[in-house]
């Protein structure tokens, strides 16, 4: 895991379901929260999903250095469909 907390929390609001997924499926192949968020979105969203559909997820992701007491050591990202462009991973 080397830096990651080891778990991804998946919350499905319409069905009120919560699942915990290990990061080991993503962290060895994708770098940081931006890479993991983009891969999760790519795998889970069909092409016909529109920006404001209930099936369009909003993914929040942190980098592997989140929580370190060092300035600028981590960033937060979110991934989603937008109304202006087809897909966005935004660095906050």
PDB file of N, CA and C in Angstrom:
ATOM      1  N   UNK A   1       0.825  -1.191   0.000  1.00  0.00           N
ATOM      2  CA  UNK A   1       0.000   0.000   0.000  1.00  0.00           C
ATOM      3  C   UNK A   1       0.864   1.247   0.000  1.00  0.00           C
ATOM      4  N   UNK A   2       1.908   1.263   0.694  1.00  0.00           N
ATOM      5  CA  UNK A   2       2.923   2.313   0.657  1.00  0.00           C
ATOM      6  C   UNK A   2       2.370   3.731   0.504  1.00  0.00           C
ATOM      7  N   UNK A   3       1.701   4.194   1.517  1.00  0.00           N
ATOM      8  CA  UNK A   3       1.211   5.559   1.506  1.00  0.00           C
ATOM      9  C   UNK A   3      -0.289   5.677   1.522  1.00  0.00           C
ATOM     10  N   UNK A   4      -0.981   4.723   0.967  1.00  0.00           N
ATOM     11  CA  UNK A   4      -2.440   4.775   0.934  1.00  0.00           C
ATOM     12  C   UNK A   4      -3.010   4.228   2.235  1.00  0.00           C
ATOM     13  N   UNK A   5      -4.212   4.661   2.584  1.00  0.00           N
ATOM     14  CA  UNK A   5      -4.877   4.162   3.788  1.00  0.00           C
ATOM     15  C   UNK A   5      -5.323   2.715   3.609  1.00  0.00           C
ATOM     16  N   UNK A   6      -5.403   2.259   2.378  1.00  0.00           N
ATOM     17  CA  UNK A   6      -5.708   0.865   2.112  1.00  0.00           C
ATOM     18  C   UNK A   6      -7.156   0.576   1.775  1.00  0.00           C
ATOM     19  N   UNK A   7      -8.021   1.579   1.834  1.00  0.00           N
ATOM     20  CA  UNK A   7      -9.435   1.324   1.586  1.00  0.00           C
ATOM     21  C   UNK A   7     -10.079   2.469   0.806  1.00  0.00           C
ATOM     22  N   UNK A   8     -11.051   2.103  -0.013  1.00  0.00           N
ATOM     23  CA  UNK A   8     -11.873   3.070  -0.740  1.00  0.00           C
ATOM     24  C   UNK A   8     -13.289   2.905  -0.226  1.00  0.00           C
ATOM     25  N   UNK A   9     -13.907   3.979   0.191  1.00  0.00           N
ATOM     26  CA  UNK A   9     -15.284   3.940   0.671  1.00  0.00           C
ATOM     27  C   UNK A   9     -16.211   4.298  -0.488  1.00  0.00           C
ATOM     28  N   UNK A  10     -17.100   3.378  -0.824  1.00  0.00           N
ATOM     29  CA  UNK A  10     -18.073   3.599  -1.896  1.00  0.00           C
ATOM     30  C   UNK A  10     -19.446   3.789  -1.251  1.00  0.00           C
ATOM     31  N   UNK A  11     -20.064   4.939  -1.507  1.00  0.00           N
ATOM     32  CA  UNK A  11     -21.382   5.252  -0.952  1.00  0.00           C
ATOM     33  C   UNK A  11     -22.357   5.429  -2.109  1.00  0.00           C
ATOM     34  N   UNK A  12     -23.399   4.614  -2.140  1.00  0.00           N
ATOM     35  CA  UNK A  12     -24.447   4.698  -3.150  1.00  0.00           C
ATOM     36  C   UNK A  12     -25.654   5.367  -2.497  1.00  0.00           C
ATOM     37  N   UNK A  13     -25.848   6.639  -2.782  1.00  0.00           N
ATOM     38  CA  UNK A  13     -26.910   7.400  -2.114  1.00  0.00           C
ATOM     39  C   UNK A  13     -28.319   6.922  -2.434  1.00  0.00           C
ATOM     40  N   UNK A  14     -28.678   6.634  -3.707  1.00  0.00           N
ATOM     41  CA  UNK A  14     -30.058   6.190  -3.960  1.00  0.00           C
ATOM     42  C   UNK A  14     -30.431   4.895  -3.247  1.00  0.00           C
ATOM     43  N   UNK A  15     -29.496   3.941  -3.187  1.00  0.00           N
ATOM     44  CA  UNK A  15     -29.816   2.666  -2.542  1.00  0.00           C
ATOM     45  C   UNK A  15     -29.392   2.618  -1.074  1.00  0.00           C
ATOM     46  N   UNK A  16     -28.701   3.651  -0.613  1.00  0.00           N
ATOM     47  CA  UNK A  16     -28.198   3.735   0.770  1.00  0.00           C
ATOM     48  C   UNK A  16     -27.283   2.566   1.124  1.00  0.00           C
ATOM     49  N   UNK A  17     -26.458   2.165   0.174  1.00  0.00           N
ATOM     50  CA  UNK A  17     -25.502   1.075   0.366  1.00  0.00           C
ATOM     51  C   UNK A  17     -24.100   1.650   0.548  1.00  0.00           C
ATOM     52  N   UNK A  18     -23.336   1.020   1.416  1.00  0.00           N
ATOM     53  CA  UNK A  18     -21.942   1.408   1.653  1.00  0.00           C
ATOM     54  C   UNK A  18     -21.079   0.173   1.461  1.00  0.00           C
ATOM     55  N   UNK A  19     -19.968   0.326   0.747  1.00  0.00           N
ATOM     56  CA  UNK A  19     -19.030  -0.772   0.535  1.00  0.00           C
ATOM     57  C   UNK A  19     -17.608  -0.252   0.719  1.00  0.00           C
ATOM     58  N   UNK A  20     -16.744  -1.120   1.185  1.00  0.00           N
ATOM     59  CA  UNK A  20     -15.327  -0.790   1.341  1.00  0.00           C
ATOM     60  C   UNK A  20     -14.540  -1.659   0.368  1.00  0.00           C
ATOM     61  N   UNK A  21     -13.731  -1.002  -0.466  1.00  0.00           N
ATOM     62  CA  UNK A  21     -12.944  -1.684  -1.488  1.00  0.00           C
ATOM     63  C   UNK A  21     -11.465  -1.468  -1.171  1.00  0.00           C
ATOM     64  N   UNK A  22     -10.650  -2.507  -1.208  1.00  0.00           N
ATOM     65  CA  UNK A  22      -9.214  -2.317  -0.966  1.00  0.00           C
ATOM     66  C   UNK A  22      -8.556  -1.530  -2.108  1.00  0.00           C
ATOM     67  N   UNK A  23      -7.599  -0.693  -1.786  1.00  0.00           N
ATOM     68  CA  UNK A  23      -6.897   0.084  -2.816  1.00  0.00           C
ATOM     69  C   UNK A  23      -5.908  -0.762  -3.603  1.00  0.00           C
ATOM     70  N   UNK A  24      -5.647  -1.990  -3.158  1.00  0.00           N
ATOM     71  CA  UNK A  24      -4.644  -2.812  -3.842  1.00  0.00           C
ATOM     72  C   UNK A  24      -5.002  -3.076  -5.299  1.00  0.00           C
ATOM     73  N   UNK A  25      -6.271  -2.984  -5.663  1.00  0.00           N
ATOM     74  CA  UNK A  25      -6.673  -3.192  -7.056  1.00  0.00           C
ATOM     75  C   UNK A  25      -6.245  -2.022  -7.945  1.00  0.00           C
ATOM     76  N   UNK A  26      -5.969  -0.886  -7.363  1.00  0.00           N
ATOM     77  CA  UNK A  26      -5.655   0.318  -8.133  1.00  0.00           C
ATOM     78  C   UNK A  26      -4.251   0.869  -7.858  1.00  0.00           C
ATOM     79  N   UNK A  27      -3.787   0.821  -6.619  1.00  0.00           N
ATOM     80  CA  UNK A  27      -2.580   1.554  -6.237  1.00  0.00           C
ATOM     81  C   UNK A  27      -1.306   1.046  -6.890  1.00  0.00           C
ATOM     82  N   UNK A  28      -1.263  -0.215  -7.305  1.00  0.00           N
ATOM     83  CA  UNK A  28      -0.065  -0.714  -7.969  1.00  0.00           C
ATOM     84  C   UNK A  28       0.036  -0.261  -9.423  1.00  0.00           C
ATOM     85  N   UNK A  29      -1.104   0.109 -10.017  1.00  0.00           N
ATOM     86  CA  UNK A  29      -1.122   0.432 -11.438  1.00  0.00           C
ATOM     87  C   UNK A  29      -1.342   1.915 -11.742  1.00  0.00           C
ATOM     88  N   UNK A  30      -1.922   2.667 -10.807  1.00  0.00           N
ATOM     89  CA  UNK A  30      -2.276   4.063 -11.060  1.00  0.00           C
ATOM     90  C   UNK A  30      -1.702   4.950  -9.972  1.00  0.00           C
ATOM     91  N   UNK A  31      -1.149   6.067 -10.386  1.00  0.00           N
ATOM     92  CA  UNK A  31      -0.450   6.950  -9.472  1.00  0.00           C
ATOM     93  C   UNK A  31      -1.386   8.001  -8.898  1.00  0.00           C
ATOM     94  N   UNK A  32      -1.479   8.053  -7.592  1.00  0.00           N
ATOM     95  CA  UNK A  32      -2.206   9.112  -6.899  1.00  0.00           C
ATOM     96  C   UNK A  32      -3.710   9.040  -7.030  1.00  0.00           C
ATOM     97  N   UNK A  33      -4.374   9.951  -6.338  1.00  0.00           N
ATOM     98  CA  UNK A  33      -5.819  10.007  -6.352  1.00  0.00           C
ATOM     99  C   UNK A  33      -6.376  10.316  -7.727  1.00  0.00           C
ATOM    100  N   UNK A  34      -5.661  11.121  -8.497  1.00  0.00           N
ATOM    101  CA  UNK A  34      -6.124  11.474  -9.844  1.00  0.00           C
ATOM    102  C   UNK A  34      -6.174  10.247 -10.744  1.00  0.00           C
ATOM    103  N   UNK A  35      -5.146   9.433 -10.716  1.00  0.00           N
ATOM    104  CA  UNK A  35      -5.111   8.225 -11.537  1.00  0.00           C
ATOM    105  C   UNK A  35      -6.148   7.205 -11.106  1.00  0.00           C
ATOM    106  N   UNK A  36      -6.302   7.012  -9.801  1.00  0.00           N
ATOM    107  CA  UNK A  36      -7.287   6.060  -9.297  1.00  0.00           C
ATOM    108  C   UNK A  36      -8.700   6.525  -9.621  1.00  0.00           C
ATOM    109  N   UNK A  37      -8.977   7.812  -9.438  1.00  0.00           N
ATOM    110  CA  UNK A  37     -10.315   8.343  -9.737  1.00  0.00           C
ATOM    111  C   UNK A  37     -10.644   8.188 -11.219  1.00  0.00           C
ATOM    112  N   UNK A  38      -9.698   8.475 -12.084  1.00  0.00           N
ATOM    113  CA  UNK A  38      -9.929   8.348 -13.522  1.00  0.00           C
ATOM    114  C   UNK A  38     -10.174   6.890 -13.904  1.00  0.00           C
ATOM    115  N   UNK A  39      -9.422   5.961 -13.342  1.00  0.00           N
ATOM    116  CA  UNK A  39      -9.611   4.541 -13.642  1.00  0.00           C
ATOM    117  C   UNK A  39     -10.962   4.045 -13.134  1.00  0.00           C
ATOM    118  N   UNK A  40     -11.342   4.423 -11.931  1.00  0.00           N
ATOM    119  CA  UNK A  40     -12.637   4.014 -11.397  1.00  0.00           C
ATOM    120  C   UNK A  40     -13.765   4.540 -12.275  1.00  0.00           C
ATOM    121  N   UNK A  41     -13.663   5.782 -12.683  1.00  0.00           N
ATOM    122  CA  UNK A  41     -14.701   6.378 -13.527  1.00  0.00           C
ATOM    123  C   UNK A  41     -14.760   5.673 -14.881  1.00  0.00           C
ATOM    124  N   UNK A  42     -13.622   5.422 -15.473  1.00  0.00           N
ATOM    125  CA  UNK A  42     -13.552   4.772 -16.780  1.00  0.00           C
ATOM    126  C   UNK A  42     -14.200   3.389 -16.737  1.00  0.00           C
ATOM    127  N   UNK A  43     -13.954   2.649 -15.670  1.00  0.00           N
ATOM    128  CA  UNK A  43     -14.483   1.286 -15.547  1.00  0.00           C
ATOM    129  C   UNK A  43     -15.980   1.238 -15.252  1.00  0.00           C
ATOM    130  N   UNK A  44     -16.505   2.235 -14.583  1.00  0.00           N
ATOM    131  CA  UNK A  44     -17.850   2.128 -14.030  1.00  0.00           C
ATOM    132  C   UNK A  44     -18.934   2.921 -14.754  1.00  0.00           C
ATOM    133  N   UNK A  45     -18.570   3.831 -15.623  1.00  0.00           N
ATOM    134  CA  UNK A  45     -19.575   4.697 -16.239  1.00  0.00           C
ATOM    135  C   UNK A  45     -19.732   4.361 -17.716  1.00  0.00           C
ATOM    136  N   UNK A  46     -20.965   4.055 -18.108  1.00  0.00           N
ATOM    137  CA  UNK A  46     -21.268   3.758 -19.506  1.00  0.00           C
ATOM    138  C   UNK A  46     -21.267   5.049 -20.331  1.00  0.00           C
ATOM    139  N   UNK A  47     -21.062   4.909 -21.623  1.00  0.00           N
ATOM    140  CA  UNK A  47     -20.992   6.082 -22.499  1.00  0.00           C
ATOM    141  C   UNK A  47     -22.298   6.858 -22.573  1.00  0.00           C
ATOM    142  N   UNK A  48     -23.437   6.194 -22.386  1.00  0.00           N
ATOM    143  CA  UNK A  48     -24.728   6.872 -22.505  1.00  0.00           C
ATOM    144  C   UNK A  48     -25.139   7.643 -21.254  1.00  0.00           C
ATOM    145  N   UNK A  49     -24.360   7.591 -20.194  1.00  0.00           N
ATOM    146  CA  UNK A  49     -24.686   8.315 -18.962  1.00  0.00           C
ATOM    147  C   UNK A  49     -24.489   9.813 -19.189  1.00  0.00           C
ATOM    148  N   UNK A  50     -25.463  10.599 -18.759  1.00  0.00           N
ATOM    149  CA  UNK A  50     -25.426  12.062 -18.884  1.00  0.00           C
ATOM    150  C   UNK A  50     -24.943  12.686 -17.569  1.00  0.00           C
ATOM    151  N   UNK A  51     -24.510  13.954 -17.586  1.00  0.00           N
ATOM    152  CA  UNK A  51     -23.927  14.566 -16.393  1.00  0.00           C
ATOM    153  C   UNK A  51     -24.814  14.551 -15.145  1.00  0.00           C
ATOM    154  N   UNK A  52     -26.110  14.703 -15.287  1.00  0.00           N
ATOM    155  CA  UNK A  52     -26.958  14.804 -14.102  1.00  0.00           C
ATOM    156  C   UNK A  52     -27.785  13.544 -13.852  1.00  0.00           C
ATOM    157  N   UNK A  53     -27.411  12.428 -14.485  1.00  0.00           N
ATOM    158  CA  UNK A  53     -28.074  11.157 -14.232  1.00  0.00           C
ATOM    159  C   UNK A  53     -27.722  10.640 -12.844  1.00  0.00           C
ATOM    160  N   UNK A  54     -28.607   9.817 -12.297  1.00  0.00           N
ATOM    161  CA  UNK A  54     -28.336   9.200 -10.994  1.00  0.00           C
ATOM    162  C   UNK A  54     -27.168   8.221 -11.084  1.00  0.00           C
ATOM    163  N   UNK A  55     -26.888   7.710 -12.277  1.00  0.00           N
ATOM    164  CA  UNK A  55     -25.781   6.768 -12.460  1.00  0.00           C
ATOM    165  C   UNK A  55     -24.445   7.450 -12.694  1.00  0.00           C
ATOM    166  N   UNK A  56     -24.426   8.755 -12.732  1.00  0.00           N
ATOM    167  CA  UNK A  56     -23.187   9.500 -12.921  1.00  0.00           C
ATOM    168  C   UNK A  56     -22.548   9.755 -11.553  1.00  0.00           C
ATOM    169  N   UNK A  57     -21.437   9.084 -11.258  1.00  0.00           N
ATOM    170  CA  UNK A  57     -20.849   9.226  -9.928  1.00  0.00           C
ATOM    171  C   UNK A  57     -20.050  10.513  -9.766  1.00  0.00           C
ATOM    172  N   UNK A  58     -19.858  10.879  -8.538  1.00  0.00           N
ATOM    173  CA  UNK A  58     -18.936  11.946  -8.162  1.00  0.00           C
ATOM    174  C   UNK A  58     -17.890  11.288  -7.282  1.00  0.00           C
ATOM    175  N   UNK A  59     -16.662  11.254  -7.752  1.00  0.00           N
ATOM    176  CA  UNK A  59     -15.584  10.540  -7.072  1.00  0.00           C
ATOM    177  C   UNK A  59     -14.650  11.561  -6.437  1.00  0.00           C
ATOM    178  N   UNK A  60     -14.457  11.450  -5.125  1.00  0.00           N
ATOM    179  CA  UNK A  60     -13.496  12.263  -4.393  1.00  0.00           C
ATOM    180  C   UNK A  60     -12.282  11.396  -4.093  1.00  0.00           C
ATOM    181  N   UNK A  61     -11.090  11.896  -4.340  1.00  0.00           N
ATOM    182  CA  UNK A  61      -9.886  11.095  -4.130  1.00  0.00           C
ATOM    183  C   UNK A  61      -8.778  11.956  -3.531  1.00  0.00           C
ATOM    184  N   UNK A  62      -7.984  11.328  -2.683  1.00  0.00           N
ATOM    185  CA  UNK A  62      -6.816  11.967  -2.095  1.00  0.00           C
ATOM    186  C   UNK A  62      -5.569  11.262  -2.586  1.00  0.00           C
ATOM    187  N   UNK A  63      -4.461  11.966  -2.577  1.00  0.00           N
ATOM    188  CA  UNK A  63      -3.203  11.364  -2.980  1.00  0.00           C
ATOM    189  C   UNK A  63      -2.617  10.490  -1.888  1.00  0.00           C
ATOM    190  N   UNK A  64      -1.553   9.754  -2.208  1.00  0.00           N
ATOM    191  CA  UNK A  64      -0.959   8.830  -1.246  1.00  0.00           C
ATOM    192  C   UNK A  64      -0.270   9.512  -0.068  1.00  0.00           C
ATOM    193  N   UNK A  65      -0.014  10.796  -0.170  1.00  0.00           N
ATOM    194  CA  UNK A  65       0.654  11.505   0.926  1.00  0.00           C
ATOM    195  C   UNK A  65      -0.312  12.290   1.800  1.00  0.00           C
ATOM    196  N   UNK A  66      -1.599  12.058   1.649  1.00  0.00           N
ATOM    197  CA  UNK A  66      -2.607  12.766   2.452  1.00  0.00           C
ATOM    198  C   UNK A  66      -2.375  12.499   3.934  1.00  0.00           C
ATOM    199  N   UNK A  67      -2.478  13.535   4.721  1.00  0.00           N
ATOM    200  CA  UNK A  67      -2.333  13.394   6.164  1.00  0.00           C
ATOM    201  C   UNK A  67      -0.930  13.629   6.681  1.00  0.00           C
ATOM    202  N   UNK A  68       0.047  13.774   5.800  1.00  0.00           N
ATOM    203  CA  UNK A  68       1.397  14.062   6.274  1.00  0.00           C
ATOM    204  C   UNK A  68       1.471  15.506   6.751  1.00  0.00           C
ATOM    205  N   UNK A  69       2.198  15.758   7.816  1.00  0.00           N
ATOM    206  CA  UNK A  69       2.309  17.133   8.320  1.00  0.00           C
ATOM    207  C   UNK A  69       3.344  17.960   7.546  1.00  0.00           C
ATOM    208  N   UNK A  70       3.256  17.924   6.224  1.00  0.00           N
ATOM    209  CA  UNK A  70       4.178  18.647   5.364  1.00  0.00           C
ATOM    210  C   UNK A  70       3.354  19.503   4.405  1.00  0.00           C
ATOM    211  N   UNK A  71       3.712  20.762   4.280  1.00  0.00           N
ATOM    212  CA  UNK A  71       2.975  21.654   3.395  1.00  0.00           C
ATOM    213  C   UNK A  71       3.020  21.152   1.958  1.00  0.00           C
ATOM    214  N   UNK A  72       1.887  21.224   1.273  1.00  0.00           N
ATOM    215  CA  UNK A  72       1.757  20.844  -0.137  1.00  0.00           C
ATOM    216  C   UNK A  72       2.073  19.375  -0.404  1.00  0.00           C
ATOM    217  N   UNK A  73       1.920  18.507   0.603  1.00  0.00           N
ATOM    218  CA  UNK A  73       2.269  17.101   0.407  1.00  0.00           C
ATOM    219  C   UNK A  73       1.149  16.295  -0.239  1.00  0.00           C
ATOM    220  N   UNK A  74      -0.061  16.820  -0.265  1.00  0.00           N
ATOM    221  CA  UNK A  74      -1.161  16.064  -0.837  1.00  0.00           C
ATOM    222  C   UNK A  74      -2.176  17.001  -1.473  1.00  0.00           C
ATOM    223  N   UNK A  75      -2.896  16.459  -2.424  1.00  0.00           N
ATOM    224  CA  UNK A  75      -3.958  17.192  -3.094  1.00  0.00           C
ATOM    225  C   UNK A  75      -5.230  16.370  -3.053  1.00  0.00           C
ATOM    226  N   UNK A  76      -6.340  17.022  -3.220  1.00  0.00           N
ATOM    227  CA  UNK A  76      -7.624  16.337  -3.331  1.00  0.00           C
ATOM    228  C   UNK A  76      -8.126  16.522  -4.758  1.00  0.00           C
ATOM    229  N   UNK A  77      -8.710  15.475  -5.317  1.00  0.00           N
ATOM    230  CA  UNK A  77      -9.260  15.530  -6.657  1.00  0.00           C
ATOM    231  C   UNK A  77     -10.707  15.073  -6.621  1.00  0.00           C
ATOM    232  N   UNK A  78     -11.474  15.505  -7.602  1.00  0.00           N
ATOM    233  CA  UNK A  78     -12.801  14.937  -7.813  1.00  0.00           C
ATOM    234  C   UNK A  78     -12.950  14.667  -9.296  1.00  0.00           C
ATOM    235  N   UNK A  79     -13.675  13.594  -9.584  1.00  0.00           N
ATOM    236  CA  UNK A  79     -13.895  13.193 -10.974  1.00  0.00           C
ATOM    237  C   UNK A  79     -15.384  13.041 -11.212  1.00  0.00           C
ATOM    238  N   UNK A  80     -15.861  13.584 -12.310  1.00  0.00           N
ATOM    239  CA  UNK A  80     -17.276  13.506 -12.640  1.00  0.00           C
ATOM    240  C   UNK A  80     -17.500  13.978 -14.065  1.00  0.00           C
ATOM    241  N   UNK A  81     -18.706  13.728 -14.569  1.00  0.00           N
ATOM    242  CA  UNK A  81     -19.127  14.351 -15.816  1.00  0.00           C
ATOM    243  C   UNK A  81     -19.531  15.781 -15.506  1.00  0.00           C
ATOM    244  N   UNK A  82     -19.305  16.656 -16.449  1.00  0.00           N
ATOM    245  CA  UNK A  82     -19.738  18.039 -16.278  1.00  0.00           C
ATOM    246  C   UNK A  82     -20.668  18.407 -17.425  1.00  0.00           C
ATOM    247  N   UNK A  83     -21.353  19.505 -17.294  1.00  0.00           N
ATOM    248  CA  UNK A  83     -22.236  19.957 -18.353  1.00  0.00           C
ATOM    249  C   UNK A  83     -21.499  20.591 -19.515  1.00  0.00           C
ATOM    250  N   UNK A  84     -20.258  21.022 -19.299  1.00  0.00           N
ATOM    251  CA  UNK A  84     -19.508  21.723 -20.337  1.00  0.00           C
ATOM    252  C   UNK A  84     -18.617  20.804 -21.156  1.00  0.00           C
ATOM    253  N   UNK A  85     -17.960  19.863 -20.479  1.00  0.00           N
ATOM    254  CA  UNK A  85     -17.107  18.906 -21.168  1.00  0.00           C
ATOM    255  C   UNK A  85     -17.522  17.501 -20.752  1.00  0.00           C
ATOM    256  N   UNK A  86     -17.070  16.498 -21.450  1.00  0.00           N
ATOM    257  CA  UNK A  86     -17.574  15.151 -21.191  1.00  0.00           C
ATOM    258  C   UNK A  86     -17.051  14.542 -19.894  1.00  0.00           C
ATOM    259  N   UNK A  87     -15.825  14.854 -19.472  1.00  0.00           N
ATOM    260  CA  UNK A  87     -15.269  14.260 -18.269  1.00  0.00           C
ATOM    261  C   UNK A  87     -14.241  15.222 -17.695  1.00  0.00           C
ATOM    262  N   UNK A  88     -14.175  15.264 -16.379  1.00  0.00           N
ATOM    263  CA  UNK A  88     -13.194  16.133 -15.745  1.00  0.00           C
ATOM    264  C   UNK A  88     -12.635  15.481 -14.498  1.00  0.00           C
ATOM    265  N   UNK A  89     -11.330  15.569 -14.330  1.00  0.00           N
ATOM    266  CA  UNK A  89     -10.688  15.261 -13.056  1.00  0.00           C
ATOM    267  C   UNK A  89     -10.085  16.575 -12.612  1.00  0.00           C
ATOM    268  N   UNK A  90     -10.607  17.131 -11.551  1.00  0.00           N
ATOM    269  CA  UNK A  90     -10.223  18.465 -11.100  1.00  0.00           C
ATOM    270  C   UNK A  90      -9.295  18.366  -9.891  1.00  0.00           C
ATOM    271  N   UNK A  91      -8.183  19.060  -9.943  1.00  0.00           N
ATOM    272  CA  UNK A  91      -7.239  19.116  -8.834  1.00  0.00           C
ATOM    273  C   UNK A  91      -7.588  20.283  -7.939  1.00  0.00           C
ATOM    274  N   UNK A  92      -7.788  20.012  -6.674  1.00  0.00           N
ATOM    275  CA  UNK A  92      -8.134  21.074  -5.718  1.00  0.00           C
ATOM    276  C   UNK A  92      -6.940  21.404  -4.852  1.00  0.00           C
TER     277      UNK A  92
END
